[in-house]
Amino acid sequence: MFAWMFPWGRYWGRGGATGRLVGAVPASFGKGSSVADVLPRGDRLPSLTGLRFLLAGVVLAGHVLTLGRFFEDQGVYEAADASSMASAAAVSSFFLLSGFVLAWNASPADTALRFWRRRLVKIFPNHVVTWTLMLGLLMVTGTAALLPVPDPGLGEAVRNLLLVHAWVPDMADFSSVNPVTWSISCEAFFYLLFPLLIRPVRALPARLLWPVIALVAGLVVAMPMVAMAVTDEAAPGSWSPLSTERWWLIYFFPPVRLLEFILGVVLARAVQLDRWPPLRPHWPLLALAGVFAARPQLPEEYVWGAATCLPVAALIPVIATRDVQGHRSRLGRRGLVVLGEASFALYMVHFPVLYAIRVQLDQRTFDTVTATALSLVVSALCVAVSLLLWRGVEMPMMRRFARARVRSAPTAHPAPGGQTAPMPQEDPAP
C-alpha cells in the first residue's frame, strides 16, 4: 500500500544554530500588545527547526525500511504498511511549517522579487545536485528492481528539473527521477503565491483570524470528500486501495496542498497577534494519538494527511509560543537545531544514497538483526551526506546569491528616546 511511494514532504523552516534563542517575552508585553510588537525582527523559533529534523527522520526511517528492503522477513513490511499515515502526517507537517515559518519571518519591507530570489537559491542548488546524481544513477544502472522508480523519458526528466511534475496525474511524472521532489514542486507553487497571500493575511483584523482558520481547516478536511466525488474508485484487483487519479488529487496536487500552507500562514499571524490560546503540547499530541488509534476505521482517503492535519496544526503554534515565552525545549538544543537546518539536504539526498546502496546489494536480503544494523548504518550515512551537501552546497550558495550585494553596510539609526535602535536583520531563508 504505497509504502514505496512515500515521497515525504519537508519543510525547512527558518531559525537555528546561527540565530539566537528567543528569550522571554519582554516586560513591555502587556494587555493590548502583540508578539509582533515586542519581538525584534530576526528572532528564531529553534524548536520548530529541531522539529524539522524529527519529521525528516520519519521520512528517512520509512524509506530505509520500505524502499531499502533489507529484511528477508516479509512480516516486517506488512507491519510497516501501517506507517503510511505517519508518513503522510510528516508531509502535512512540513507544509504547515512552511506557511508558518515564512509568515513568521515575513517583513512588510520585503519585495516579491527578493523573496523569490531567496527561495530559488534555497531549493534549486540542492535540487540540481540530487537530480543530476539520481539521473546519472538511473542511466548507469537502469531501474533497480526493488526500487520502483520509473525510467524517465526526456519530458519527465525536464518537468522534474523544473519542479512542475506534481501537476501531472501520472505516476511516471510525479515519482520521476528523485521521487521525493513532488513536494518541492508543491512548495515552488506556494512560494510563487506567498507574496500575494501574506498581504491580505497581514491585513486581517484579529477578530477574523479564528473564522479564517476554521474555514481553511474545514476545506482541508473536506478535500478527500471532494476527491471521492470527482474521481473513480480503484479498479478491482488494483495494487492500491485508491485509484491513481484520486491519490494524486488528495496527496500530490499542489492547489490541494496549498490549503495546509495557507493554514500555517494564518496560524503564524494568530500567534504574532497573541490570539493563540494557552495550550500545553500534550493536548494536540493526545489528539494526534487518538487519530492514529482510529486508523482502522478511517476511509483510506483520510489517511493521506486530512485526518492528522488539525492536531499537527494545533501543535506547531504551541511549540512556537513556548519558544517566544522562553521555555526550554529539547527540540531547541543546538545539535538538533543544526540537524534541522540540514533537513532539506537530508530530504533531497537520502533517496539517491539509498538507491545506490540498494543497487550494489542487488536482490540480497538479510536476517532481522543484520538488516536492522544495516538500516541504522544507512540512515547514519544519509545524515552524514546531507551535512556535507548542506555545508558544501546549500550554505555557500545562500551566502553568495540569496541577497543582492550592497556597497556599504547600513548604519544604526537613532530610535525614539535617543537610544540606538537595533540593526534590522534580513530573514535567512529556511
Protein backbone atom coordinates (compact mmCIF):
# COMPACT_ATOMS: atom_id res chain seq x y z
CA MET A 1 0.00 0.00 0.00
CA PHE A 2 2.02 2.93 -1.34
CA ALA A 3 4.87 2.06 1.04
CA TRP A 4 7.47 2.59 -1.65
CA MET A 5 6.00 5.87 -2.76
CA PHE A 6 6.31 7.91 0.42
CA PRO A 7 7.77 10.97 -1.26
CA TRP A 8 7.88 12.71 2.03
CA GLY A 9 7.33 16.38 2.34
CA ARG A 10 9.54 18.55 4.31
CA TYR A 11 9.80 21.86 5.38
CA TRP A 12 12.97 23.51 6.26
CA GLY A 13 11.76 26.47 8.23
CA ARG A 14 13.90 29.29 9.34
CA GLY A 15 15.78 29.57 12.58
CA GLY A 16 18.51 27.56 14.08
CA ALA A 17 22.09 27.35 15.06
CA THR A 18 23.20 30.67 13.68
CA GLY A 19 20.42 32.60 15.34
CA ARG A 20 19.85 33.48 18.96
CA LEU A 21 17.36 31.69 21.10
CA VAL A 22 14.18 33.60 21.64
CA GLY A 23 14.25 34.93 25.17
CA ALA A 24 11.36 35.50 27.49
CA VAL A 25 8.73 37.88 26.23
CA PRO A 26 9.80 41.40 27.28
CA ALA A 27 8.20 43.09 30.21
CA SER A 28 6.59 45.55 27.83
CA PHE A 29 4.43 42.74 26.55
CA GLY A 30 1.16 43.52 28.22
CA LYS A 31 -2.53 43.70 27.56
CA GLY A 32 -3.19 45.04 24.09
CA SER A 33 0.32 44.23 22.84
CA SER A 34 1.10 41.61 20.23
CA VAL A 35 4.08 39.37 19.86
CA ALA A 36 4.94 41.17 16.65
CA ASP A 37 5.08 44.49 18.54
CA VAL A 38 7.69 43.44 21.08
CA LEU A 39 9.88 40.82 19.45
CA PRO A 40 12.84 42.15 17.48
CA ARG A 41 12.84 41.14 13.88
CA GLY A 42 15.08 38.14 13.25
CA ASP A 43 14.09 36.21 16.38
CA ARG A 44 14.22 32.48 15.77
CA LEU A 45 11.96 29.60 16.62
CA PRO A 46 14.62 26.97 17.31
CA SER A 47 12.22 24.27 18.45
CA LEU A 48 10.49 24.32 15.07
CA THR A 49 13.88 23.90 13.43
CA GLY A 50 14.57 20.89 15.64
CA LEU A 51 11.12 19.56 14.80
CA ARG A 52 12.07 19.59 11.14
CA PHE A 53 14.78 17.02 11.77
CA LEU A 54 12.37 14.74 13.62
CA LEU A 55 9.97 14.93 10.69
CA ALA A 56 12.80 14.27 8.27
CA GLY A 57 13.71 11.32 10.47
CA VAL A 58 10.24 9.87 9.91
CA VAL A 59 10.82 10.23 6.18
CA LEU A 60 14.25 8.66 6.35
CA ALA A 61 13.18 5.75 8.55
CA GLY A 62 10.20 4.99 6.35
CA HIS A 63 12.23 4.98 3.17
CA VAL A 64 15.08 2.93 4.59
CA LEU A 65 12.57 0.36 5.80
CA THR A 66 10.13 0.21 2.91
CA LEU A 67 12.46 1.04 0.00
CA GLY A 68 15.68 -0.45 1.32
CA ARG A 69 14.02 -3.87 1.52
CA PHE A 70 16.88 -5.20 3.64
CA PHE A 71 14.72 -7.63 5.66
CA GLU A 72 14.13 -11.16 4.48
CA ASP A 73 11.19 -11.44 6.91
CA GLN A 74 8.24 -10.16 4.85
CA GLY A 75 6.21 -9.68 8.01
CA VAL A 76 8.30 -6.59 8.68
CA TYR A 77 6.90 -4.94 5.57
CA GLU A 78 3.35 -5.90 6.40
CA ALA A 79 3.76 -4.18 9.76
CA ALA A 80 5.42 -1.21 8.06
CA ASP A 81 2.33 -0.68 5.93
CA ALA A 82 0.74 0.86 9.00
CA SER A 83 3.34 3.64 8.84
CA SER A 84 1.73 5.26 5.78
CA MET A 85 -0.37 7.51 7.99
CA ALA A 86 2.70 8.67 9.95
CA SER A 87 4.44 9.44 6.69
CA ALA A 88 1.50 11.46 5.42
CA ALA A 89 1.37 13.30 8.74
CA ALA A 90 5.02 14.28 8.28
CA VAL A 91 4.25 15.65 4.82
CA SER A 92 1.34 17.65 6.16
CA SER A 93 3.51 18.96 9.00
CA PHE A 94 6.12 20.20 6.55
CA PHE A 95 3.55 22.11 4.50
CA LEU A 96 2.08 23.66 7.65
CA LEU A 97 5.56 24.58 8.88
CA SER A 98 6.38 26.12 5.53
CA GLY A 99 3.50 28.55 5.72
CA PHE A 100 4.01 29.23 9.43
CA VAL A 101 7.73 29.99 9.24
CA LEU A 102 7.54 32.11 6.10
CA ALA A 103 4.70 34.18 7.57
CA TRP A 104 6.52 34.50 10.90
CA ASN A 105 9.62 35.89 9.17
CA ALA A 106 7.85 37.99 6.54
CA SER A 107 8.77 41.66 6.52
CA PRO A 108 6.50 44.38 5.13
CA ALA A 109 9.64 45.89 3.59
CA ASP A 110 10.41 42.76 1.59
CA THR A 111 9.58 42.57 -2.10
CA ALA A 112 8.29 39.67 -4.15
CA LEU A 113 11.44 39.58 -6.27
CA ARG A 114 13.73 39.42 -3.24
CA PHE A 115 11.58 36.70 -1.70
CA TRP A 116 11.54 34.63 -4.89
CA ARG A 117 15.30 35.04 -5.24
CA ARG A 118 15.89 33.66 -1.75
CA ARG A 119 13.56 30.73 -2.37
CA LEU A 120 15.17 29.94 -5.72
CA VAL A 121 18.68 29.96 -4.25
CA LYS A 122 17.49 27.88 -1.33
CA ILE A 123 15.94 24.97 -3.20
CA PHE A 124 17.49 24.78 -6.66
CA PRO A 125 21.19 24.10 -5.92
CA ASN A 126 20.37 21.02 -3.81
CA HIS A 127 17.71 20.01 -6.30
CA VAL A 128 20.04 20.25 -9.30
CA VAL A 129 22.79 18.31 -7.50
CA THR A 130 20.50 15.47 -6.45
CA TRP A 131 18.60 15.46 -9.76
CA THR A 132 21.91 15.08 -11.62
CA LEU A 133 23.09 12.38 -9.22
CA MET A 134 19.87 10.41 -9.45
CA LEU A 135 19.58 10.72 -13.20
CA GLY A 136 23.18 9.55 -13.55
CA LEU A 137 22.47 6.54 -11.35
CA LEU A 138 19.42 5.64 -13.41
CA MET A 139 21.36 5.93 -16.66
CA VAL A 140 24.26 3.82 -15.40
CA THR A 141 22.32 1.12 -13.55
CA GLY A 142 18.87 1.07 -15.09
CA THR A 143 15.84 0.97 -12.82
CA ALA A 144 16.54 -1.20 -9.79
CA ALA A 145 14.01 -3.98 -9.39
CA LEU A 146 13.41 -3.34 -5.68
CA LEU A 147 13.07 0.42 -6.09
CA PRO A 148 10.13 1.19 -8.38
CA VAL A 149 11.41 4.45 -9.87
CA PRO A 150 10.10 4.87 -13.41
CA ASP A 151 12.78 5.09 -16.09
CA PRO A 152 12.26 8.76 -17.02
CA GLY A 153 11.91 9.98 -20.56
CA LEU A 154 13.14 13.41 -21.59
CA GLY A 155 9.81 15.06 -20.81
CA GLU A 156 9.55 13.58 -17.32
CA ALA A 157 13.16 14.47 -16.52
CA VAL A 158 12.74 18.08 -17.67
CA ARG A 159 9.45 18.53 -15.80
CA ASN A 160 11.10 17.18 -12.67
CA LEU A 161 14.05 19.53 -13.07
CA LEU A 162 11.68 22.48 -13.46
CA LEU A 163 9.60 21.31 -10.47
CA VAL A 164 6.31 21.18 -12.33
CA HIS A 165 5.92 17.39 -12.30
CA ALA A 166 3.46 17.25 -9.38
CA TRP A 167 0.86 18.88 -11.65
CA VAL A 168 0.69 15.79 -13.89
CA PRO A 169 -1.63 12.99 -12.67
CA ASP A 170 0.70 10.27 -13.88
CA MET A 171 2.99 8.25 -11.62
CA ALA A 172 5.67 8.36 -14.30
CA ASP A 173 5.80 12.12 -13.69
CA PHE A 174 5.17 12.73 -10.00
CA SER A 175 7.52 9.90 -8.99
CA SER A 176 10.16 10.57 -11.63
CA VAL A 177 13.96 10.87 -11.14
CA ASN A 178 14.24 11.74 -7.43
CA PRO A 179 10.70 10.78 -6.36
CA VAL A 180 10.66 12.84 -3.17
CA THR A 181 10.74 16.09 -5.14
CA TRP A 182 6.99 16.06 -5.75
CA SER A 183 6.59 18.01 -2.51
CA ILE A 184 9.22 20.54 -3.64
CA SER A 185 7.08 21.02 -6.74
CA CYS A 186 4.23 21.90 -4.36
CA GLU A 187 6.49 24.23 -2.39
CA ALA A 188 7.55 26.06 -5.55
CA PHE A 189 3.87 26.79 -6.19
CA PHE A 190 3.44 28.00 -2.60
CA TYR A 191 6.44 30.31 -2.94
CA LEU A 192 5.08 31.76 -6.15
CA LEU A 193 1.85 32.73 -4.38
CA PHE A 194 3.22 33.71 -0.97
CA PRO A 195 3.79 37.43 -1.73
CA LEU A 196 0.14 37.60 -2.83
CA LEU A 197 -1.12 35.68 0.21
CA ILE A 198 0.75 37.40 3.02
CA ARG A 199 -0.69 40.86 2.40
CA PRO A 200 -4.37 40.01 2.90
CA VAL A 201 -3.48 37.77 5.86
CA ARG A 202 -1.49 40.59 7.44
CA ALA A 203 -4.43 42.94 6.83
CA LEU A 204 -6.93 40.62 8.53
CA PRO A 205 -8.44 42.08 11.70
CA ALA A 206 -7.55 40.00 14.73
CA ARG A 207 -11.22 39.17 15.31
CA LEU A 208 -11.40 37.43 11.90
CA LEU A 209 -8.36 35.19 12.36
CA TRP A 210 -10.22 32.33 14.00
CA PRO A 211 -13.08 32.29 11.46
CA VAL A 212 -10.48 32.11 8.68
CA ILE A 213 -8.59 29.34 10.49
CA ALA A 214 -11.83 27.38 10.84
CA LEU A 215 -12.68 27.90 7.16
CA VAL A 216 -9.30 26.73 5.85
CA ALA A 217 -9.20 23.78 8.27
CA GLY A 218 -12.68 22.79 7.11
CA LEU A 219 -11.55 22.86 3.49
CA VAL A 220 -8.59 20.62 4.31
CA VAL A 221 -10.90 18.08 5.92
CA ALA A 222 -13.41 18.33 3.05
CA MET A 223 -10.95 17.74 0.19
CA PRO A 224 -10.98 13.91 0.43
CA MET A 225 -14.77 14.00 0.06
CA VAL A 226 -14.40 16.23 -3.00
CA ALA A 227 -11.88 13.79 -4.45
CA MET A 228 -14.25 10.89 -3.85
CA ALA A 229 -16.98 12.78 -5.70
CA VAL A 230 -14.93 13.67 -8.79
CA THR A 231 -12.63 10.64 -9.28
CA ASP A 232 -13.21 6.95 -9.88
CA GLU A 233 -12.67 4.13 -7.43
CA ALA A 234 -9.65 1.88 -7.83
CA ALA A 235 -10.22 -0.93 -10.30
CA PRO A 236 -10.99 -4.36 -8.80
CA GLY A 237 -7.76 -6.20 -8.01
CA SER A 238 -5.73 -2.98 -8.16
CA TRP A 239 -2.41 -2.83 -6.34
CA SER A 240 -3.74 0.03 -4.17
CA PRO A 241 -7.00 0.92 -2.46
CA LEU A 242 -7.07 4.28 -4.27
CA SER A 243 -7.03 4.96 -7.98
CA THR A 244 -4.01 6.89 -9.22
CA GLU A 245 -6.17 9.90 -10.05
CA ARG A 246 -7.75 10.00 -6.57
CA TRP A 247 -4.44 9.51 -4.81
CA TRP A 248 -2.85 12.26 -6.91
CA LEU A 249 -5.70 14.69 -6.24
CA ILE A 250 -5.63 14.08 -2.48
CA TYR A 251 -1.90 13.84 -1.91
CA PHE A 252 0.18 15.33 -4.74
CA PHE A 253 -1.88 18.07 -6.41
CA PRO A 254 -0.31 21.46 -5.45
CA PRO A 255 -3.56 23.51 -5.12
CA VAL A 256 -4.95 20.96 -2.66
CA ARG A 257 -1.78 21.00 -0.54
CA LEU A 258 -1.82 24.81 -0.70
CA LEU A 259 -4.61 24.73 1.90
CA GLU A 260 -2.22 23.38 4.54
CA PHE A 261 0.32 26.05 3.65
CA ILE A 262 -2.32 28.79 3.98
CA LEU A 263 -3.41 27.36 7.31
CA GLY A 264 0.18 27.64 8.53
CA VAL A 265 0.34 31.27 7.37
CA VAL A 266 -2.83 32.24 9.27
CA LEU A 267 -1.74 30.34 12.39
CA ALA A 268 1.52 32.28 12.45
CA ARG A 269 -0.42 35.52 12.31
CA ALA A 270 -2.60 34.36 15.20
CA VAL A 271 0.48 33.74 17.33
CA GLN A 272 2.01 37.09 16.35
CA LEU A 273 -1.15 38.92 17.39
CA ASP A 274 -1.43 36.94 20.64
CA ARG A 275 -4.63 35.25 19.53
CA TRP A 276 -3.45 31.71 20.15
CA PRO A 277 -4.88 30.24 23.38
CA PRO A 278 -2.60 28.96 26.16
CA LEU A 279 -2.27 25.27 25.39
CA ARG A 280 0.17 22.65 26.57
CA PRO A 281 1.81 20.40 23.95
CA HIS A 282 0.33 17.20 25.34
CA TRP A 283 -3.20 18.13 24.23
CA PRO A 284 -2.53 18.22 20.47
CA LEU A 285 -0.24 15.20 20.88
CA LEU A 286 -3.05 13.28 22.57
CA ALA A 287 -5.41 14.29 19.78
CA LEU A 288 -2.88 13.10 17.22
CA ALA A 289 -2.52 9.78 19.05
CA GLY A 290 -6.29 9.42 19.03
CA VAL A 291 -6.38 9.89 15.27
CA PHE A 292 -3.73 7.21 14.81
CA ALA A 293 -5.67 4.88 17.09
CA ALA A 294 -8.72 5.37 14.87
CA ARG A 295 -6.74 4.45 11.73
CA PRO A 296 -8.61 1.16 11.08
CA GLN A 297 -11.94 2.99 10.99
CA LEU A 298 -10.80 5.84 8.73
CA PRO A 299 -11.55 5.88 5.00
CA GLU A 300 -8.32 5.43 3.04
CA GLU A 301 -8.75 8.91 1.57
CA TYR A 302 -8.27 10.45 5.02
CA VAL A 303 -5.06 8.57 5.79
CA TRP A 304 -3.05 10.82 3.48
CA GLY A 305 -2.99 13.97 5.61
CA ALA A 306 -6.51 15.21 6.20
CA ALA A 307 -7.05 13.21 9.39
CA THR A 308 -3.81 14.32 11.05
CA CYS A 309 -3.68 17.91 9.80
CA LEU A 310 -5.71 19.52 12.58
CA PRO A 311 -3.79 18.06 15.57
CA VAL A 312 -0.50 18.96 13.87
CA ALA A 313 -1.86 22.44 13.08
CA ALA A 314 -2.53 22.89 16.81
CA LEU A 315 0.90 21.59 17.84
CA ILE A 316 3.01 23.97 15.73
CA PRO A 317 1.70 27.22 17.31
CA VAL A 318 2.05 25.65 20.77
CA ILE A 319 5.74 24.92 20.13
CA ALA A 320 6.29 28.38 18.65
CA THR A 321 4.55 30.10 21.56
CA ARG A 322 6.72 28.26 24.07
CA ASP A 323 9.82 29.44 22.20
CA VAL A 324 8.54 33.01 22.29
CA GLN A 325 7.91 32.75 26.02
CA GLY A 326 11.43 31.47 26.64
CA HIS A 327 10.60 27.91 27.67
CA ARG A 328 13.48 25.49 27.26
CA SER A 329 12.84 22.68 24.84
CA ARG A 330 14.69 19.53 23.85
CA LEU A 331 13.77 20.38 20.28
CA GLY A 332 15.71 23.63 20.60
CA ARG A 333 19.01 22.07 21.62
CA ARG A 334 21.91 23.07 19.44
CA GLY A 335 22.66 19.65 17.95
CA LEU A 336 19.06 19.04 16.95
CA VAL A 337 18.77 22.56 15.56
CA VAL A 338 21.86 22.06 13.38
CA LEU A 339 20.39 18.80 12.07
CA GLY A 340 17.12 20.65 11.48
CA GLU A 341 18.94 23.25 9.41
CA ALA A 342 20.29 20.42 7.26
CA SER A 343 16.92 18.67 7.00
CA PHE A 344 16.23 19.90 3.46
CA ALA A 345 19.54 18.45 2.31
CA LEU A 346 18.65 15.19 4.08
CA TYR A 347 15.29 15.11 2.39
CA MET A 348 16.81 15.67 -1.04
CA VAL A 349 19.84 13.36 -0.86
CA HIS A 350 18.61 10.34 1.08
CA PHE A 351 16.85 8.70 -1.86
CA PRO A 352 19.88 8.76 -4.22
CA VAL A 353 22.07 7.37 -1.41
CA LEU A 354 19.55 4.62 -0.65
CA TYR A 355 19.17 3.86 -4.35
CA ALA A 356 22.93 3.49 -4.84
CA ILE A 357 23.21 1.13 -1.86
CA ARG A 358 20.24 -0.95 -2.97
CA VAL A 359 21.72 -1.34 -6.45
CA GLN A 360 25.03 -2.51 -5.01
CA LEU A 361 23.24 -5.10 -2.89
CA ASP A 362 21.20 -6.27 -5.87
CA GLN A 363 18.43 -8.58 -4.60
CA ARG A 364 20.10 -9.55 -1.33
CA THR A 365 18.12 -9.52 1.91
CA PHE A 366 19.23 -10.25 5.47
CA ASP A 367 18.11 -11.68 8.77
CA THR A 368 16.40 -9.31 11.18
CA VAL A 369 19.47 -8.44 13.27
CA THR A 370 21.72 -7.81 10.28
CA ALA A 371 19.03 -5.87 8.41
CA THR A 372 18.36 -3.69 11.45
CA ALA A 373 22.07 -2.91 11.83
CA LEU A 374 22.35 -2.18 8.10
CA SER A 375 19.32 0.12 8.28
CA LEU A 376 20.95 2.12 11.08
CA VAL A 377 24.24 2.39 9.19
CA VAL A 378 22.48 3.52 6.02
CA SER A 379 20.47 6.11 7.98
CA ALA A 380 23.64 7.47 9.58
CA LEU A 381 25.30 7.62 6.16
CA CYS A 382 22.36 9.59 4.73
CA VAL A 383 22.61 12.10 7.59
CA ALA A 384 26.39 12.44 7.07
CA VAL A 385 26.00 13.01 3.32
CA SER A 386 23.22 15.54 3.96
CA LEU A 387 25.50 17.54 6.26
CA LEU A 388 28.12 17.61 3.51
CA LEU A 389 25.53 18.80 0.99
CA TRP A 390 24.27 21.43 3.40
CA ARG A 391 27.74 22.77 4.24
CA GLY A 392 29.22 22.35 0.77
CA VAL A 393 26.38 23.48 -1.48
CA GLU A 394 23.39 24.95 0.30
CA MET A 395 25.12 27.30 2.74
CA PRO A 396 27.70 28.72 0.28
CA MET A 397 25.02 29.31 -2.35
CA MET A 398 22.79 31.06 0.17
CA ARG A 399 25.62 33.28 1.39
CA ARG A 400 26.67 34.21 -2.13
CA PHE A 401 23.41 34.55 -4.04
CA ALA A 402 20.44 34.81 -1.70
CA ARG A 403 20.68 38.57 -1.43
CA ALA A 404 21.90 41.34 -3.67
CA ARG A 405 25.25 42.65 -2.53
CA VAL A 406 25.39 46.17 -1.11
CA ARG A 407 28.34 48.53 -1.42
CA SER A 408 28.30 49.78 2.13
CA ALA A 409 26.91 48.48 5.37
CA PRO A 410 23.88 50.28 6.79
CA THR A 411 24.37 52.23 9.97
CA ALA A 412 22.33 52.15 13.10
CA HIS A 413 19.80 54.94 13.40
CA PRO A 414 18.55 56.77 16.47
CA ALA A 415 15.37 55.40 17.95
CA PRO A 416 12.75 57.49 19.74
CA GLY A 417 14.04 58.49 23.15
CA GLY A 418 17.61 58.90 21.99
CA GLN A 419 18.54 55.21 22.18
CA THR A 420 20.15 53.38 19.29
CA ALA A 421 17.74 51.06 17.54
CA PRO A 422 18.89 47.54 16.71
CA MET A 423 20.06 46.90 13.19
CA PRO A 424 17.37 45.31 11.04
CA GLN A 425 18.08 41.73 10.11
CA GLU A 426 17.16 40.16 6.82
CA ASP A 427 15.41 36.83 7.04
CA PRO A 428 17.74 33.90 6.46
CA ALA A 429 15.95 31.62 4.07
CA PRO A 430 14.65 28.44 5.65
